[in-house]
Amino acid sequence: MASEMDRDPRHHTQNMQAGLQDIMDHLREDIEKVDEPQLKAMFETAAEVLGGLKKAFSDYEKKNESAWR
């Protein structure tokens, strides 16, 4: 049986946001470690895309968008 915390959507959205932020940070750290411009651009693009997904989880949590109301 799921615990009360497991049933709380905020618990899950906050975990997802934290995980996405960790990946974004890792991508941006690795930009400094590689020399290939295309790979640097790929890492930055991936971090930006994940940032949008992180914002979507935040919007869901805060009911900022009409789709989440």
PDB file of N, CA and C in Angstrom:
ATOM      1  N   MET A   1       0.838  -1.172   0.000  1.00  0.00           N
ATOM      2  CA  MET A   1       0.000   0.000   0.000  1.00  0.00           C
ATOM      3  C   MET A   1       0.892   1.248   0.000  1.00  0.00           C
ATOM      4  N   ALA A   2       0.522   2.226  -0.806  1.00  0.00           N
ATOM      5  CA  ALA A   2       1.302   3.461  -0.923  1.00  0.00           C
ATOM      6  C   ALA A   2       1.139   4.320   0.330  1.00  0.00           C
ATOM      7  N   SER A   3       2.240   4.918   0.734  1.00  0.00           N
ATOM      8  CA  SER A   3       2.198   5.793   1.905  1.00  0.00           C
ATOM      9  C   SER A   3       1.521   7.114   1.527  1.00  0.00           C
ATOM     10  N   GLU A   4       1.218   7.909   2.540  1.00  0.00           N
ATOM     11  CA  GLU A   4       0.600   9.219   2.302  1.00  0.00           C
ATOM     12  C   GLU A   4       1.513  10.089   1.431  1.00  0.00           C
ATOM     13  N   MET A   5       2.821  10.036   1.702  1.00  0.00           N
ATOM     14  CA  MET A   5       3.774  10.821   0.922  1.00  0.00           C
ATOM     15  C   MET A   5       3.770  10.359  -0.544  1.00  0.00           C
ATOM     16  N   ASP A   6       3.691   9.039  -0.755  1.00  0.00           N
ATOM     17  CA  ASP A   6       3.671   8.511  -2.117  1.00  0.00           C
ATOM     18  C   ASP A   6       2.442   8.970  -2.896  1.00  0.00           C
ATOM     19  N   ARG A   7       1.385   9.274  -2.207  1.00  0.00           N
ATOM     20  CA  ARG A   7       0.149   9.713  -2.856  1.00  0.00           C
ATOM     21  C   ARG A   7       0.148  11.214  -3.148  1.00  0.00           C
ATOM     22  N   ASP A   8       1.067  11.950  -2.552  1.00  0.00           N
ATOM     23  CA  ASP A   8       1.129  13.399  -2.719  1.00  0.00           C
ATOM     24  C   ASP A   8       1.839  13.728  -4.036  1.00  0.00           C
ATOM     25  N   PRO A   9       1.133  14.328  -4.990  1.00  0.00           N
ATOM     26  CA  PRO A   9       1.769  14.654  -6.280  1.00  0.00           C
ATOM     27  C   PRO A   9       2.992  15.558  -6.131  1.00  0.00           C
ATOM     28  N   ARG A  10       2.983  16.450  -5.141  1.00  0.00           N
ATOM     29  CA  ARG A  10       4.132  17.349  -4.950  1.00  0.00           C
ATOM     30  C   ARG A  10       5.407  16.578  -4.640  1.00  0.00           C
ATOM     31  N   HIS A  11       5.280  15.495  -3.918  1.00  0.00           N
ATOM     32  CA  HIS A  11       6.452  14.659  -3.615  1.00  0.00           C
ATOM     33  C   HIS A  11       7.098  14.202  -4.922  1.00  0.00           C
ATOM     34  N   HIS A  12       6.295  13.771  -5.855  1.00  0.00           N
ATOM     35  CA  HIS A  12       6.810  13.264  -7.132  1.00  0.00           C
ATOM     36  C   HIS A  12       7.312  14.393  -8.032  1.00  0.00           C
ATOM     37  N   THR A  13       6.569  15.498  -8.099  1.00  0.00           N
ATOM     38  CA  THR A  13       7.015  16.595  -8.958  1.00  0.00           C
ATOM     39  C   THR A  13       8.316  17.192  -8.438  1.00  0.00           C
ATOM     40  N   GLN A  14       8.457  17.287  -7.137  1.00  0.00           N
ATOM     41  CA  GLN A  14       9.694  17.836  -6.571  1.00  0.00           C
ATOM     42  C   GLN A  14      10.878  16.897  -6.799  1.00  0.00           C
ATOM     43  N   ASN A  15      10.637  15.587  -6.698  1.00  0.00           N
ATOM     44  CA  ASN A  15      11.708  14.621  -6.988  1.00  0.00           C
ATOM     45  C   ASN A  15      12.139  14.711  -8.444  1.00  0.00           C
ATOM     46  N   MET A  16      11.175  14.830  -9.354  1.00  0.00           N
ATOM     47  CA  MET A  16      11.493  14.936 -10.779  1.00  0.00           C
ATOM     48  C   MET A  16      12.272  16.218 -11.066  1.00  0.00           C
ATOM     49  N   GLN A  17      11.857  17.320 -10.459  1.00  0.00           N
ATOM     50  CA  GLN A  17      12.554  18.588 -10.665  1.00  0.00           C
ATOM     51  C   GLN A  17      13.998  18.512 -10.164  1.00  0.00           C
ATOM     52  N   ALA A  18      14.189  17.886  -9.042  1.00  0.00           N
ATOM     53  CA  ALA A  18      15.545  17.747  -8.491  1.00  0.00           C
ATOM     54  C   ALA A  18      16.408  16.880  -9.409  1.00  0.00           C
ATOM     55  N   GLY A  19      15.841  15.791  -9.903  1.00  0.00           N
ATOM     56  CA  GLY A  19      16.586  14.924 -10.812  1.00  0.00           C
ATOM     57  C   GLY A  19      16.936  15.625 -12.109  1.00  0.00           C
ATOM     58  N   LEU A  20      15.991  16.369 -12.660  1.00  0.00           N
ATOM     59  CA  LEU A  20      16.250  17.119 -13.889  1.00  0.00           C
ATOM     60  C   LEU A  20      17.322  18.170 -13.656  1.00  0.00           C
ATOM     61  N   GLN A  21      17.279  18.854 -12.512  1.00  0.00           N
ATOM     62  CA  GLN A  21      18.298  19.864 -12.198  1.00  0.00           C
ATOM     63  C   GLN A  21      19.673  19.223 -12.097  1.00  0.00           C
ATOM     64  N   ASP A  22      19.752  18.045 -11.494  1.00  0.00           N
ATOM     65  CA  ASP A  22      21.040  17.337 -11.399  1.00  0.00           C
ATOM     66  C   ASP A  22      21.609  17.056 -12.786  1.00  0.00           C
ATOM     67  N   ILE A  23      20.763  16.595 -13.692  1.00  0.00           N
ATOM     68  CA  ILE A  23      21.222  16.301 -15.055  1.00  0.00           C
ATOM     69  C   ILE A  23      21.622  17.587 -15.767  1.00  0.00           C
ATOM     70  N   MET A  24      20.822  18.647 -15.595  1.00  0.00           N
ATOM     71  CA  MET A  24      21.170  19.934 -16.208  1.00  0.00           C
ATOM     72  C   MET A  24      22.535  20.415 -15.719  1.00  0.00           C
ATOM     73  N   ASP A  25      22.776  20.320 -14.429  1.00  0.00           N
ATOM     74  CA  ASP A  25      24.056  20.737 -13.856  1.00  0.00           C
ATOM     75  C   ASP A  25      25.201  19.908 -14.433  1.00  0.00           C
ATOM     76  N   HIS A  26      24.986  18.604 -14.534  1.00  0.00           N
ATOM     77  CA  HIS A  26      26.012  17.704 -15.060  1.00  0.00           C
ATOM     78  C   HIS A  26      26.328  18.057 -16.512  1.00  0.00           C
ATOM     79  N   LEU A  27      25.293  18.283 -17.314  1.00  0.00           N
ATOM     80  CA  LEU A  27      25.515  18.661 -18.708  1.00  0.00           C
ATOM     81  C   LEU A  27      26.330  19.940 -18.806  1.00  0.00           C
ATOM     82  N   ARG A  28      25.973  20.922 -18.016  1.00  0.00           N
ATOM     83  CA  ARG A  28      26.666  22.211 -18.089  1.00  0.00           C
ATOM     84  C   ARG A  28      28.108  22.113 -17.557  1.00  0.00           C
ATOM     85  N   GLU A  29      28.334  21.272 -16.583  1.00  0.00           N
ATOM     86  CA  GLU A  29      29.706  21.051 -16.107  1.00  0.00           C
ATOM     87  C   GLU A  29      30.550  20.396 -17.192  1.00  0.00           C
ATOM     88  N   ASP A  30      29.938  19.457 -17.915  1.00  0.00           N
ATOM     89  CA  ASP A  30      30.679  18.740 -18.952  1.00  0.00           C
ATOM     90  C   ASP A  30      30.986  19.609 -20.164  1.00  0.00           C
ATOM     91  N   ILE A  31      30.255  20.690 -20.349  1.00  0.00           N
ATOM     92  CA  ILE A  31      30.565  21.611 -21.447  1.00  0.00           C
ATOM     93  C   ILE A  31      32.005  22.097 -21.329  1.00  0.00           C
ATOM     94  N   GLU A  32      32.445  22.315 -20.108  1.00  0.00           N
ATOM     95  CA  GLU A  32      33.805  22.805 -19.873  1.00  0.00           C
ATOM     96  C   GLU A  32      34.861  21.718 -20.059  1.00  0.00           C
ATOM     97  N   LYS A  33      34.429  20.472 -20.105  1.00  0.00           N
ATOM     98  CA  LYS A  33      35.378  19.360 -20.165  1.00  0.00           C
ATOM     99  C   LYS A  33      35.653  18.862 -21.578  1.00  0.00           C
ATOM    100  N   VAL A  34      34.827  19.255 -22.542  1.00  0.00           N
ATOM    101  CA  VAL A  34      35.001  18.767 -23.908  1.00  0.00           C
ATOM    102  C   VAL A  34      35.444  19.900 -24.819  1.00  0.00           C
ATOM    103  N   ASP A  35      36.092  19.532 -25.914  1.00  0.00           N
ATOM    104  CA  ASP A  35      36.613  20.527 -26.848  1.00  0.00           C
ATOM    105  C   ASP A  35      35.756  20.665 -28.102  1.00  0.00           C
ATOM    106  N   GLU A  36      34.940  19.690 -28.399  1.00  0.00           N
ATOM    107  CA  GLU A  36      34.167  19.690 -29.643  1.00  0.00           C
ATOM    108  C   GLU A  36      32.987  20.667 -29.554  1.00  0.00           C
ATOM    109  N   PRO A  37      32.956  21.684 -30.410  1.00  0.00           N
ATOM    110  CA  PRO A  37      31.878  22.685 -30.348  1.00  0.00           C
ATOM    111  C   PRO A  37      30.472  22.097 -30.522  1.00  0.00           C
ATOM    112  N   GLN A  38      30.346  21.090 -31.378  1.00  0.00           N
ATOM    113  CA  GLN A  38      29.022  20.491 -31.589  1.00  0.00           C
ATOM    114  C   GLN A  38      28.530  19.787 -30.336  1.00  0.00           C
ATOM    115  N   LEU A  39      29.439  19.143 -29.623  1.00  0.00           N
ATOM    116  CA  LEU A  39      29.044  18.453 -28.393  1.00  0.00           C
ATOM    117  C   LEU A  39      28.703  19.472 -27.305  1.00  0.00           C
ATOM    118  N   LYS A  40      29.450  20.564 -27.233  1.00  0.00           N
ATOM    119  CA  LYS A  40      29.119  21.637 -26.289  1.00  0.00           C
ATOM    120  C   LYS A  40      27.709  22.154 -26.560  1.00  0.00           C
ATOM    121  N   ALA A  41      27.395  22.362 -27.844  1.00  0.00           N
ATOM    122  CA  ALA A  41      26.068  22.851 -28.220  1.00  0.00           C
ATOM    123  C   ALA A  41      24.999  21.823 -27.873  1.00  0.00           C
ATOM    124  N   MET A  42      25.288  20.545 -28.099  1.00  0.00           N
ATOM    125  CA  MET A  42      24.327  19.490 -27.760  1.00  0.00           C
ATOM    126  C   MET A  42      24.060  19.477 -26.261  1.00  0.00           C
ATOM    127  N   PHE A  43      25.114  19.593 -25.457  1.00  0.00           N
ATOM    128  CA  PHE A  43      24.941  19.587 -24.004  1.00  0.00           C
ATOM    129  C   PHE A  43      24.108  20.791 -23.551  1.00  0.00           C
ATOM    130  N   GLU A  44      24.396  21.976 -24.103  1.00  0.00           N
ATOM    131  CA  GLU A  44      23.639  23.163 -23.703  1.00  0.00           C
ATOM    132  C   GLU A  44      22.185  23.052 -24.152  1.00  0.00           C
ATOM    133  N   THR A  45      21.965  22.555 -25.357  1.00  0.00           N
ATOM    134  CA  THR A  45      20.597  22.374 -25.852  1.00  0.00           C
ATOM    135  C   THR A  45      19.834  21.385 -24.979  1.00  0.00           C
ATOM    136  N   ALA A  46      20.477  20.293 -24.626  1.00  0.00           N
ATOM    137  CA  ALA A  46      19.834  19.294 -23.769  1.00  0.00           C
ATOM    138  C   ALA A  46      19.484  19.906 -22.411  1.00  0.00           C
ATOM    139  N   ALA A  47      20.384  20.695 -21.852  1.00  0.00           N
ATOM    140  CA  ALA A  47      20.119  21.340 -20.562  1.00  0.00           C
ATOM    141  C   ALA A  47      18.931  22.285 -20.672  1.00  0.00           C
ATOM    142  N   GLU A  48      18.835  23.022 -21.775  1.00  0.00           N
ATOM    143  CA  GLU A  48      17.708  23.939 -21.971  1.00  0.00           C
ATOM    144  C   GLU A  48      16.390  23.183 -22.097  1.00  0.00           C
ATOM    145  N   VAL A  49      16.396  22.087 -22.835  1.00  0.00           N
ATOM    146  CA  VAL A  49      15.187  21.273 -22.997  1.00  0.00           C
ATOM    147  C   VAL A  49      14.742  20.725 -21.644  1.00  0.00           C
ATOM    148  N   LEU A  50      15.680  20.223 -20.871  1.00  0.00           N
ATOM    149  CA  LEU A  50      15.348  19.707 -19.546  1.00  0.00           C
ATOM    150  C   LEU A  50      14.839  20.815 -18.635  1.00  0.00           C
ATOM    151  N   GLY A  51      15.366  22.026 -18.815  1.00  0.00           N
ATOM    152  CA  GLY A  51      14.876  23.172 -18.052  1.00  0.00           C
ATOM    153  C   GLY A  51      13.403  23.442 -18.351  1.00  0.00           C
ATOM    154  N   GLY A  52      13.015  23.291 -19.608  1.00  0.00           N
ATOM    155  CA  GLY A  52      11.607  23.448 -19.969  1.00  0.00           C
ATOM    156  C   GLY A  52      10.742  22.385 -19.330  1.00  0.00           C
ATOM    157  N   LEU A  53      11.240  21.167 -19.293  1.00  0.00           N
ATOM    158  CA  LEU A  53      10.498  20.081 -18.657  1.00  0.00           C
ATOM    159  C   LEU A  53      10.390  20.308 -17.153  1.00  0.00           C
ATOM    160  N   LYS A  54      11.468  20.778 -16.558  1.00  0.00           N
ATOM    161  CA  LYS A  54      11.451  21.098 -15.128  1.00  0.00           C
ATOM    162  C   LYS A  54      10.410  22.176 -14.832  1.00  0.00           C
ATOM    163  N   LYS A  55      10.337  23.183 -15.704  1.00  0.00           N
ATOM    164  CA  LYS A  55       9.344  24.245 -15.542  1.00  0.00           C
ATOM    165  C   LYS A  55       7.933  23.683 -15.667  1.00  0.00           C
ATOM    166  N   ALA A  56       7.733  22.743 -16.575  1.00  0.00           N
ATOM    167  CA  ALA A  56       6.409  22.127 -16.722  1.00  0.00           C
ATOM    168  C   ALA A  56       5.992  21.420 -15.436  1.00  0.00           C
ATOM    169  N   PHE A  57       6.909  20.716 -14.789  1.00  0.00           N
ATOM    170  CA  PHE A  57       6.590  20.077 -13.509  1.00  0.00           C
ATOM    171  C   PHE A  57       6.256  21.127 -12.456  1.00  0.00           C
ATOM    172  N   SER A  58       6.999  22.220 -12.452  1.00  0.00           N
ATOM    173  CA  SER A  58       6.738  23.298 -11.499  1.00  0.00           C
ATOM    174  C   SER A  58       5.373  23.934 -11.765  1.00  0.00           C
ATOM    175  N   ASP A  59       5.065  24.170 -13.028  1.00  0.00           N
ATOM    176  CA  ASP A  59       3.766  24.748 -13.381  1.00  0.00           C
ATOM    177  C   ASP A  59       2.625  23.828 -12.961  1.00  0.00           C
ATOM    178  N   TYR A  60       2.822  22.530 -13.157  1.00  0.00           N
ATOM    179  CA  TYR A  60       1.801  21.568 -12.721  1.00  0.00           C
ATOM    180  C   TYR A  60       1.604  21.668 -11.211  1.00  0.00           C
ATOM    181  N   GLU A  61       2.705  21.692 -10.499  1.00  0.00           N
ATOM    182  CA  GLU A  61       2.649  21.742  -9.037  1.00  0.00           C
ATOM    183  C   GLU A  61       1.938  22.996  -8.542  1.00  0.00           C
ATOM    184  N   LYS A  62       2.210  24.123  -9.202  1.00  0.00           N
ATOM    185  CA  LYS A  62       1.639  25.406  -8.779  1.00  0.00           C
ATOM    186  C   LYS A  62       0.325  25.716  -9.485  1.00  0.00           C
ATOM    187  N   LYS A  63      -0.066  24.842 -10.414  1.00  0.00           N
ATOM    188  CA  LYS A  63      -1.306  25.043 -11.197  1.00  0.00           C
ATOM    189  C   LYS A  63      -1.254  26.385 -11.932  1.00  0.00           C
ATOM    190  N   ASN A  64      -0.066  26.747 -12.450  1.00  0.00           N
ATOM    191  CA  ASN A  64       0.133  28.015 -13.153  1.00  0.00           C
ATOM    192  C   ASN A  64      -0.502  28.049 -14.535  1.00  0.00           C
ATOM    193  N   GLU A  65      -0.648  26.914 -15.152  1.00  0.00           N
ATOM    194  CA  GLU A  65      -1.160  26.840 -16.519  1.00  0.00           C
ATOM    195  C   GLU A  65      -2.602  26.340 -16.502  1.00  0.00           C
ATOM    196  N   SER A  66      -3.373  26.825 -17.450  1.00  0.00           N
ATOM    197  CA  SER A  66      -4.782  26.432 -17.492  1.00  0.00           C
ATOM    198  C   SER A  66      -4.951  24.922 -17.674  1.00  0.00           C
ATOM    199  N   ALA A  67      -4.004  24.285 -18.346  1.00  0.00           N
ATOM    200  CA  ALA A  67      -4.097  22.837 -18.549  1.00  0.00           C
ATOM    201  C   ALA A  67      -4.038  22.053 -17.229  1.00  0.00           C
ATOM    202  N   TRP A  68      -3.451  22.630 -16.207  1.00  0.00           N
ATOM    203  CA  TRP A  68      -3.275  21.931 -14.925  1.00  0.00           C
ATOM    204  C   TRP A  68      -4.352  22.298 -13.904  1.00  0.00           C
ATOM    205  N   ARG A  69      -5.307  23.124 -14.292  1.00  0.00           N
ATOM    206  CA  ARG A  69      -6.360  23.502 -13.349  1.00  0.00           C
ATOM    207  C   ARG A  69      -7.543  22.590 -13.435  1.00  0.00           C
TER     208      ARG A  69
END
